[in-house]
């Protein structure tokens, strides 16, 4: 073997590589375990209107375990995402002792159900949180079977566009367990639209009603309390204390 320089050189190179790898591993272990590199600064990149700073400071310390390198970002992310108003969290280490936190809060667009403290965000996701009474009161109220919030929110947006021509806006939209639609307007009038029908879809019945509104509902001295669109060729109106009329 000693007479084969190329073999000796190869063995020497392998030994050098092994030693370098061992040093790298030892260095990595030291960096992970060294107590002198704690995360000292946590920076939030934006204002959080619904998540108090005190609430963040209460839950963060327990999740900030280890040092700059060993900090478990997934644990920190999970801890923050359990807060009521937090929808999404992005984290970034900032050398030598910082952590940058970008939090996306839920943006509430409607209340969901009644008495359960649930809201619907702009993605149609239901979440449980509390907000000031005036903010809650300004949100429309949506009802529907479990799992239907995205569909109900989408239909609410369509109803807003449809009723705008009448100078009205839905304040409540309901999808019943039998999948029948109902909308309550700002003026208190309830519009029963029923279920989707292949030959007479909800959108068609609603547009027919809106087109006829000026010459029917608009001419009545008393506004109907309920309008029923569940007819194939017309609709019914009911005033409180009166019977139905076409």
C-alpha atoms as a PDB file:
ATOM      1  CA  UNK A   1       0.000   0.000   0.000  1.00  0.00           C
ATOM      2  CA  UNK A   2       2.887   2.342   0.844  1.00  0.00           C
ATOM      3  CA  UNK A   3       4.076   1.994  -2.724  1.00  0.00           C
ATOM      4  CA  UNK A   4       0.780   3.334  -4.049  1.00  0.00           C
ATOM      5  CA  UNK A   5       0.756   7.108  -3.458  1.00  0.00           C
ATOM      6  CA  UNK A   6      -2.625   7.617  -5.144  1.00  0.00           C
ATOM      7  CA  UNK A   7      -4.247   5.197  -2.683  1.00  0.00           C
ATOM      8  CA  UNK A   8      -2.652   6.942   0.273  1.00  0.00           C
ATOM      9  CA  UNK A   9      -3.860  10.303  -1.029  1.00  0.00           C
ATOM     10  CA  UNK A  10      -7.390   8.962  -1.365  1.00  0.00           C
ATOM     11  CA  UNK A  11      -7.355   7.630   2.207  1.00  0.00           C
ATOM     12  CA  UNK A  12      -5.997  10.954   3.470  1.00  0.00           C
ATOM     13  CA  UNK A  13      -8.770  12.844   1.659  1.00  0.00           C
ATOM     14  CA  UNK A  14     -11.403  10.568   3.210  1.00  0.00           C
ATOM     15  CA  UNK A  15      -9.976  11.099   6.677  1.00  0.00           C
ATOM     16  CA  UNK A  16      -9.999  14.862   6.163  1.00  0.00           C
ATOM     17  CA  UNK A  17     -13.617  14.779   4.982  1.00  0.00           C
ATOM     18  CA  UNK A  18     -14.632  12.617   7.937  1.00  0.00           C
ATOM     19  CA  UNK A  19     -12.924  14.988  10.356  1.00  0.00           C
ATOM     20  CA  UNK A  20     -14.587  18.010   8.720  1.00  0.00           C
ATOM     21  CA  UNK A  21     -17.987  16.328   8.902  1.00  0.00           C
ATOM     22  CA  UNK A  22     -17.449  15.506  12.557  1.00  0.00           C
ATOM     23  CA  UNK A  23     -16.530  19.134  13.240  1.00  0.00           C
ATOM     24  CA  UNK A  24     -19.658  20.326  11.424  1.00  0.00           C
ATOM     25  CA  UNK A  25     -21.842  17.968  13.430  1.00  0.00           C
ATOM     26  CA  UNK A  26     -20.205  19.018  16.669  1.00  0.00           C
ATOM     27  CA  UNK A  27     -20.614  22.660  15.713  1.00  0.00           C
ATOM     28  CA  UNK A  28     -24.282  22.174  14.876  1.00  0.00           C
ATOM     29  CA  UNK A  29     -24.895  20.393  18.184  1.00  0.00           C
ATOM     30  CA  UNK A  30     -23.130  23.200  20.034  1.00  0.00           C
ATOM     31  CA  UNK A  31     -25.156  25.879  18.268  1.00  0.00           C
ATOM     32  CA  UNK A  32     -28.407  24.092  19.095  1.00  0.00           C
ATOM     33  CA  UNK A  33     -27.501  23.597  22.750  1.00  0.00           C
ATOM     34  CA  UNK A  34     -25.542  26.726  23.537  1.00  0.00           C
ATOM     35  CA  UNK A  35     -27.499  28.797  26.060  1.00  0.00           C
ATOM     36  CA  UNK A  36     -25.947  32.093  24.976  1.00  0.00           C
ATOM     37  CA  UNK A  37     -28.110  32.622  21.877  1.00  0.00           C
ATOM     38  CA  UNK A  38     -31.635  33.079  23.235  1.00  0.00           C
ATOM     39  CA  UNK A  39     -34.367  34.804  21.251  1.00  0.00           C
ATOM     40  CA  UNK A  40     -34.481  38.226  22.880  1.00  0.00           C
ATOM     41  CA  UNK A  41     -36.583  40.241  20.463  1.00  0.00           C
ATOM     42  CA  UNK A  42     -39.982  39.409  18.976  1.00  0.00           C
ATOM     43  CA  UNK A  43     -41.180  41.884  16.371  1.00  0.00           C
ATOM     44  CA  UNK A  44     -44.758  41.991  15.051  1.00  0.00           C
ATOM     45  CA  UNK A  45     -44.864  43.385  11.527  1.00  0.00           C
ATOM     46  CA  UNK A  46     -48.310  45.006  11.682  1.00  0.00           C
ATOM     47  CA  UNK A  47     -50.986  46.388  13.972  1.00  0.00           C
ATOM     48  CA  UNK A  48     -53.507  43.838  15.241  1.00  0.00           C
ATOM     49  CA  UNK A  49     -56.875  45.519  15.844  1.00  0.00           C
ATOM     50  CA  UNK A  50     -58.524  42.509  17.497  1.00  0.00           C
ATOM     51  CA  UNK A  51     -55.636  40.764  19.278  1.00  0.00           C
ATOM     52  CA  UNK A  52     -54.423  42.654  22.383  1.00  0.00           C
ATOM     53  CA  UNK A  53     -50.665  42.799  22.933  1.00  0.00           C
ATOM     54  CA  UNK A  54     -51.211  41.512  26.471  1.00  0.00           C
ATOM     55  CA  UNK A  55     -52.788  38.351  25.050  1.00  0.00           C
ATOM     56  CA  UNK A  56     -49.739  37.723  22.856  1.00  0.00           C
ATOM     57  CA  UNK A  57     -47.349  38.342  25.726  1.00  0.00           C
ATOM     58  CA  UNK A  58     -49.267  35.871  27.853  1.00  0.00           C
ATOM     59  CA  UNK A  59     -48.962  32.902  25.474  1.00  0.00           C
ATOM     60  CA  UNK A  60     -45.607  33.512  23.760  1.00  0.00           C
ATOM     61  CA  UNK A  61     -43.073  32.869  26.565  1.00  0.00           C
ATOM     62  CA  UNK A  62     -44.080  29.219  26.956  1.00  0.00           C
ATOM     63  CA  UNK A  63     -43.497  28.626  23.227  1.00  0.00           C
ATOM     64  CA  UNK A  64     -40.110  30.377  23.017  1.00  0.00           C
ATOM     65  CA  UNK A  65     -38.081  27.344  24.128  1.00  0.00           C
ATOM     66  CA  UNK A  66     -34.448  26.818  23.197  1.00  0.00           C
ATOM     67  CA  UNK A  67     -32.167  29.297  21.488  1.00  0.00           C
ATOM     68  CA  UNK A  68     -32.074  31.065  18.137  1.00  0.00           C
ATOM     69  CA  UNK A  69     -31.343  27.832  16.255  1.00  0.00           C
ATOM     70  CA  UNK A  70     -33.349  25.275  18.230  1.00  0.00           C
ATOM     71  CA  UNK A  71     -36.527  27.334  18.565  1.00  0.00           C
ATOM     72  CA  UNK A  72     -39.453  25.248  17.276  1.00  0.00           C
ATOM     73  CA  UNK A  73     -41.204  27.586  14.834  1.00  0.00           C
ATOM     74  CA  UNK A  74     -44.110  25.177  14.380  1.00  0.00           C
ATOM     75  CA  UNK A  75     -44.815  25.234  18.104  1.00  0.00           C
ATOM     76  CA  UNK A  76     -44.739  29.036  18.123  1.00  0.00           C
ATOM     77  CA  UNK A  77     -47.020  29.132  15.079  1.00  0.00           C
ATOM     78  CA  UNK A  78     -49.482  26.679  16.639  1.00  0.00           C
ATOM     79  CA  UNK A  79     -49.562  28.621  19.904  1.00  0.00           C
ATOM     80  CA  UNK A  80     -50.411  31.879  18.155  1.00  0.00           C
ATOM     81  CA  UNK A  81     -52.958  30.326  15.799  1.00  0.00           C
ATOM     82  CA  UNK A  82     -54.963  29.106  18.782  1.00  0.00           C
ATOM     83  CA  UNK A  83     -55.806  32.703  19.649  1.00  0.00           C
ATOM     84  CA  UNK A  84     -59.406  33.560  18.636  1.00  0.00           C
ATOM     85  CA  UNK A  85     -58.695  36.263  16.044  1.00  0.00           C
ATOM     86  CA  UNK A  86     -55.535  34.776  14.510  1.00  0.00           C
ATOM     87  CA  UNK A  87     -56.078  33.099  11.146  1.00  0.00           C
ATOM     88  CA  UNK A  88     -52.535  32.626   9.830  1.00  0.00           C
ATOM     89  CA  UNK A  89     -48.998  33.100  11.183  1.00  0.00           C
ATOM     90  CA  UNK A  90     -45.699  33.475   9.328  1.00  0.00           C
ATOM     91  CA  UNK A  91     -42.389  33.448  11.238  1.00  0.00           C
ATOM     92  CA  UNK A  92     -38.826  34.401  10.324  1.00  0.00           C
ATOM     93  CA  UNK A  93     -35.632  34.198  12.363  1.00  0.00           C
ATOM     94  CA  UNK A  94     -33.657  37.470  12.392  1.00  0.00           C
ATOM     95  CA  UNK A  95     -29.982  37.078  13.314  1.00  0.00           C
ATOM     96  CA  UNK A  96     -28.686  37.119  15.962  1.00  0.00           C
ATOM     97  CA  UNK A  97     -31.524  37.045  18.497  1.00  0.00           C
ATOM     98  CA  UNK A  98     -34.757  38.082  16.838  1.00  0.00           C
ATOM     99  CA  UNK A  99     -38.014  36.572  15.658  1.00  0.00           C
ATOM    100  CA  UNK A 100     -40.236  38.341  13.137  1.00  0.00           C
ATOM    101  CA  UNK A 101     -43.951  37.520  13.403  1.00  0.00           C
ATOM    102  CA  UNK A 102     -46.450  38.274  10.658  1.00  0.00           C
ATOM    103  CA  UNK A 103     -50.039  37.618  11.784  1.00  0.00           C
ATOM    104  CA  UNK A 104     -53.080  37.639   9.527  1.00  0.00           C
ATOM    105  CA  UNK A 105     -56.208  38.221  11.573  1.00  0.00           C
ATOM    106  CA  UNK A 106     -59.667  37.063  10.589  1.00  0.00           C
ATOM    107  CA  UNK A 107     -61.591  39.807   8.794  1.00  0.00           C
ATOM    108  CA  UNK A 108     -65.182  39.413   9.979  1.00  0.00           C
ATOM    109  CA  UNK A 109     -67.868  39.996   7.366  1.00  0.00           C
ATOM    110  CA  UNK A 110     -70.902  38.442   9.087  1.00  0.00           C
ATOM    111  CA  UNK A 111     -72.219  36.859  12.251  1.00  0.00           C
ATOM    112  CA  UNK A 112     -72.975  33.156  12.062  1.00  0.00           C
ATOM    113  CA  UNK A 113     -75.907  31.532  13.850  1.00  0.00           C
ATOM    114  CA  UNK A 114     -77.312  32.986  17.026  1.00  0.00           C
ATOM    115  CA  UNK A 115     -75.960  33.092  20.539  1.00  0.00           C
ATOM    116  CA  UNK A 116     -72.837  31.024  19.793  1.00  0.00           C
ATOM    117  CA  UNK A 117     -70.375  33.882  19.398  1.00  0.00           C
ATOM    118  CA  UNK A 118     -69.385  32.713  15.919  1.00  0.00           C
ATOM    119  CA  UNK A 119     -68.372  34.894  12.990  1.00  0.00           C
ATOM    120  CA  UNK A 120     -67.672  34.348   9.297  1.00  0.00           C
ATOM    121  CA  UNK A 121     -64.497  35.750   7.762  1.00  0.00           C
ATOM    122  CA  UNK A 122     -63.938  36.907   4.200  1.00  0.00           C
ATOM    123  CA  UNK A 123     -62.951  33.357   3.175  1.00  0.00           C
ATOM    124  CA  UNK A 124     -66.245  31.889   4.380  1.00  0.00           C
ATOM    125  CA  UNK A 125     -64.565  30.317   7.417  1.00  0.00           C
ATOM    126  CA  UNK A 126     -66.426  30.190  10.724  1.00  0.00           C
ATOM    127  CA  UNK A 127     -64.505  31.169  13.856  1.00  0.00           C
ATOM    128  CA  UNK A 128     -65.445  31.918  17.463  1.00  0.00           C
ATOM    129  CA  UNK A 129     -64.428  35.327  18.813  1.00  0.00           C
ATOM    130  CA  UNK A 130     -65.826  38.388  20.535  1.00  0.00           C
ATOM    131  CA  UNK A 131     -65.843  41.959  19.253  1.00  0.00           C
ATOM    132  CA  UNK A 132     -67.252  45.291  20.456  1.00  0.00           C
ATOM    133  CA  UNK A 133     -71.050  45.414  20.427  1.00  0.00           C
ATOM    134  CA  UNK A 134     -71.202  48.186  17.812  1.00  0.00           C
ATOM    135  CA  UNK A 135     -68.943  46.230  15.450  1.00  0.00           C
ATOM    136  CA  UNK A 136     -71.036  43.085  15.890  1.00  0.00           C
ATOM    137  CA  UNK A 137     -74.302  44.964  15.337  1.00  0.00           C
ATOM    138  CA  UNK A 138     -73.030  46.329  12.001  1.00  0.00           C
ATOM    139  CA  UNK A 139     -72.487  42.824  10.601  1.00  0.00           C
ATOM    140  CA  UNK A 140     -75.231  40.905   8.763  1.00  0.00           C
ATOM    141  CA  UNK A 141     -76.522  37.713  10.343  1.00  0.00           C
ATOM    142  CA  UNK A 142     -76.181  34.463   8.394  1.00  0.00           C
ATOM    143  CA  UNK A 143     -77.752  31.105   9.198  1.00  0.00           C
ATOM    144  CA  UNK A 144     -77.226  27.704   7.646  1.00  0.00           C
ATOM    145  CA  UNK A 145     -76.528  24.036   8.324  1.00  0.00           C
ATOM    146  CA  UNK A 146     -73.039  23.096   9.449  1.00  0.00           C
ATOM    147  CA  UNK A 147     -70.487  23.429   6.666  1.00  0.00           C
ATOM    148  CA  UNK A 148     -72.578  25.768   4.497  1.00  0.00           C
ATOM    149  CA  UNK A 149     -71.030  29.094   5.576  1.00  0.00           C
ATOM    150  CA  UNK A 150     -69.082  29.612   2.284  1.00  0.00           C
ATOM    151  CA  UNK A 151     -72.247  28.998   0.254  1.00  0.00           C
ATOM    152  CA  UNK A 152     -74.400  31.256   2.444  1.00  0.00           C
ATOM    153  CA  UNK A 153     -71.797  34.036   2.338  1.00  0.00           C
ATOM    154  CA  UNK A 154     -71.579  33.796  -1.450  1.00  0.00           C
ATOM    155  CA  UNK A 155     -75.365  33.968  -1.789  1.00  0.00           C
ATOM    156  CA  UNK A 156     -75.488  36.914   0.613  1.00  0.00           C
ATOM    157  CA  UNK A 157     -73.146  38.812  -1.714  1.00  0.00           C
ATOM    158  CA  UNK A 158     -75.412  38.021  -4.660  1.00  0.00           C
ATOM    159  CA  UNK A 159     -78.478  39.228  -2.740  1.00  0.00           C
ATOM    160  CA  UNK A 160     -76.703  42.479  -1.853  1.00  0.00           C
ATOM    161  CA  UNK A 161     -76.183  43.148  -5.548  1.00  0.00           C
ATOM    162  CA  UNK A 162     -79.757  42.210  -6.452  1.00  0.00           C
ATOM    163  CA  UNK A 163     -81.486  44.352  -3.820  1.00  0.00           C
ATOM    164  CA  UNK A 164     -79.243  47.377  -4.352  1.00  0.00           C
ATOM    165  CA  UNK A 165     -81.486  48.584  -7.194  1.00  0.00           C
ATOM    166  CA  UNK A 166     -84.334  48.838  -4.659  1.00  0.00           C
ATOM    167  CA  UNK A 167     -82.214  50.840  -2.240  1.00  0.00           C
ATOM    168  CA  UNK A 168     -82.298  47.941   0.195  1.00  0.00           C
ATOM    169  CA  UNK A 169     -79.740  45.578   1.680  1.00  0.00           C
ATOM    170  CA  UNK A 170     -80.142  42.181   3.346  1.00  0.00           C
ATOM    171  CA  UNK A 171     -79.395  42.211   7.066  1.00  0.00           C
ATOM    172  CA  UNK A 172     -80.076  38.501   7.460  1.00  0.00           C
ATOM    173  CA  UNK A 173     -79.832  35.525   5.100  1.00  0.00           C
ATOM    174  CA  UNK A 174     -80.961  32.041   6.080  1.00  0.00           C
ATOM    175  CA  UNK A 175     -80.471  28.663   4.440  1.00  0.00           C
ATOM    176  CA  UNK A 176     -82.857  26.232   6.127  1.00  0.00           C
ATOM    177  CA  UNK A 177     -82.116  22.555   6.828  1.00  0.00           C
ATOM    178  CA  UNK A 178     -84.287  21.837   3.763  1.00  0.00           C
ATOM    179  CA  UNK A 179     -82.050  24.194   1.734  1.00  0.00           C
ATOM    180  CA  UNK A 180     -84.660  26.924   1.304  1.00  0.00           C
ATOM    181  CA  UNK A 181     -83.448  30.530   1.089  1.00  0.00           C
ATOM    182  CA  UNK A 182     -84.810  33.519   2.994  1.00  0.00           C
ATOM    183  CA  UNK A 183     -83.604  37.116   3.226  1.00  0.00           C
ATOM    184  CA  UNK A 184     -84.610  39.861   5.649  1.00  0.00           C
ATOM    185  CA  UNK A 185     -84.074  43.417   4.405  1.00  0.00           C
ATOM    186  CA  UNK A 186     -83.142  46.625   6.230  1.00  0.00           C
ATOM    187  CA  UNK A 187     -86.761  47.791   6.110  1.00  0.00           C
ATOM    188  CA  UNK A 188     -87.881  44.640   7.943  1.00  0.00           C
ATOM    189  CA  UNK A 189     -89.457  42.897   4.938  1.00  0.00           C
ATOM    190  CA  UNK A 190     -88.830  39.147   4.728  1.00  0.00           C
ATOM    191  CA  UNK A 191     -88.384  37.626   1.276  1.00  0.00           C
ATOM    192  CA  UNK A 192     -89.050  33.889   1.071  1.00  0.00           C
ATOM    193  CA  UNK A 193     -87.276  32.447  -1.972  1.00  0.00           C
ATOM    194  CA  UNK A 194     -87.551  28.735  -1.325  1.00  0.00           C
ATOM    195  CA  UNK A 195     -85.332  26.009  -2.734  1.00  0.00           C
ATOM    196  CA  UNK A 196     -83.428  25.951  -5.993  1.00  0.00           C
ATOM    197  CA  UNK A 197     -85.575  24.568  -8.819  1.00  0.00           C
ATOM    198  CA  UNK A 198     -84.211  23.524 -12.227  1.00  0.00           C
ATOM    199  CA  UNK A 199     -86.949  25.320 -14.163  1.00  0.00           C
ATOM    200  CA  UNK A 200     -87.237  28.293 -11.812  1.00  0.00           C
ATOM    201  CA  UNK A 201     -83.968  29.001  -9.967  1.00  0.00           C
ATOM    202  CA  UNK A 202     -83.856  31.388  -7.026  1.00  0.00           C
ATOM    203  CA  UNK A 203     -81.996  34.070  -9.004  1.00  0.00           C
ATOM    204  CA  UNK A 204     -84.665  34.088 -11.728  1.00  0.00           C
ATOM    205  CA  UNK A 205     -87.543  34.362  -9.243  1.00  0.00           C
ATOM    206  CA  UNK A 206     -85.768  37.152  -7.398  1.00  0.00           C
ATOM    207  CA  UNK A 207     -85.093  39.163 -10.551  1.00  0.00           C
ATOM    208  CA  UNK A 208     -88.714  38.777 -11.583  1.00  0.00           C
ATOM    209  CA  UNK A 209     -89.814  40.153  -8.207  1.00  0.00           C
ATOM    210  CA  UNK A 210     -87.371  43.076  -8.365  1.00  0.00           C
ATOM    211  CA  UNK A 211     -88.563  43.919 -11.874  1.00  0.00           C
ATOM    212  CA  UNK A 212     -92.185  43.971 -10.711  1.00  0.00           C
ATOM    213  CA  UNK A 213     -91.460  45.736  -7.417  1.00  0.00           C
ATOM    214  CA  UNK A 214     -92.148  49.371  -8.529  1.00  0.00           C
ATOM    215  CA  UNK A 215     -95.653  48.517  -9.799  1.00  0.00           C
ATOM    216  CA  UNK A 216     -96.573  46.136  -6.973  1.00  0.00           C
ATOM    217  CA  UNK A 217     -94.889  46.540  -3.600  1.00  0.00           C
ATOM    218  CA  UNK A 218     -93.821  50.102  -4.408  1.00  0.00           C
ATOM    219  CA  UNK A 219     -97.413  51.255  -4.938  1.00  0.00           C
ATOM    220  CA  UNK A 220     -98.842  49.766  -1.771  1.00  0.00           C
ATOM    221  CA  UNK A 221     -99.595  52.232   1.054  1.00  0.00           C
ATOM    222  CA  UNK A 222     -98.329  49.687   3.571  1.00  0.00           C
ATOM    223  CA  UNK A 223     -95.170  47.695   2.980  1.00  0.00           C
ATOM    224  CA  UNK A 224     -95.641  43.906   3.067  1.00  0.00           C
ATOM    225  CA  UNK A 225     -94.096  42.119   6.022  1.00  0.00           C
ATOM    226  CA  UNK A 226     -93.469  38.987   3.938  1.00  0.00           C
ATOM    227  CA  UNK A 227     -93.058  38.411   0.210  1.00  0.00           C
ATOM    228  CA  UNK A 228     -93.249  34.807  -0.949  1.00  0.00           C
ATOM    229  CA  UNK A 229     -91.458  34.027  -4.229  1.00  0.00           C
ATOM    230  CA  UNK A 230     -92.080  30.273  -4.116  1.00  0.00           C
ATOM    231  CA  UNK A 231     -94.562  30.381  -6.991  1.00  0.00           C
ATOM    232  CA  UNK A 232     -93.759  29.371 -10.575  1.00  0.00           C
ATOM    233  CA  UNK A 233     -95.402  32.411 -12.205  1.00  0.00           C
ATOM    234  CA  UNK A 234     -95.703  35.101  -9.548  1.00  0.00           C
ATOM    235  CA  UNK A 235     -95.338  35.911  -5.882  1.00  0.00           C
ATOM    236  CA  UNK A 236     -97.506  36.520  -2.834  1.00  0.00           C
ATOM    237  CA  UNK A 237     -97.410  39.409  -0.368  1.00  0.00           C
ATOM    238  CA  UNK A 238     -98.564  39.486   3.213  1.00  0.00           C
ATOM    239  CA  UNK A 239     -99.032  42.532   5.412  1.00  0.00           C
ATOM    240  CA  UNK A 240     -99.065  42.047   9.170  1.00  0.00           C
ATOM    241  CA  UNK A 241    -102.681  41.441  10.187  1.00  0.00           C
ATOM    242  CA  UNK A 242    -103.831  40.696   6.619  1.00  0.00           C
ATOM    243  CA  UNK A 243    -104.205  37.537   4.534  1.00  0.00           C
ATOM    244  CA  UNK A 244    -102.086  36.731   1.485  1.00  0.00           C
ATOM    245  CA  UNK A 245    -102.477  38.590  -1.769  1.00  0.00           C
ATOM    246  CA  UNK A 246    -100.970  38.167  -5.248  1.00  0.00           C
END
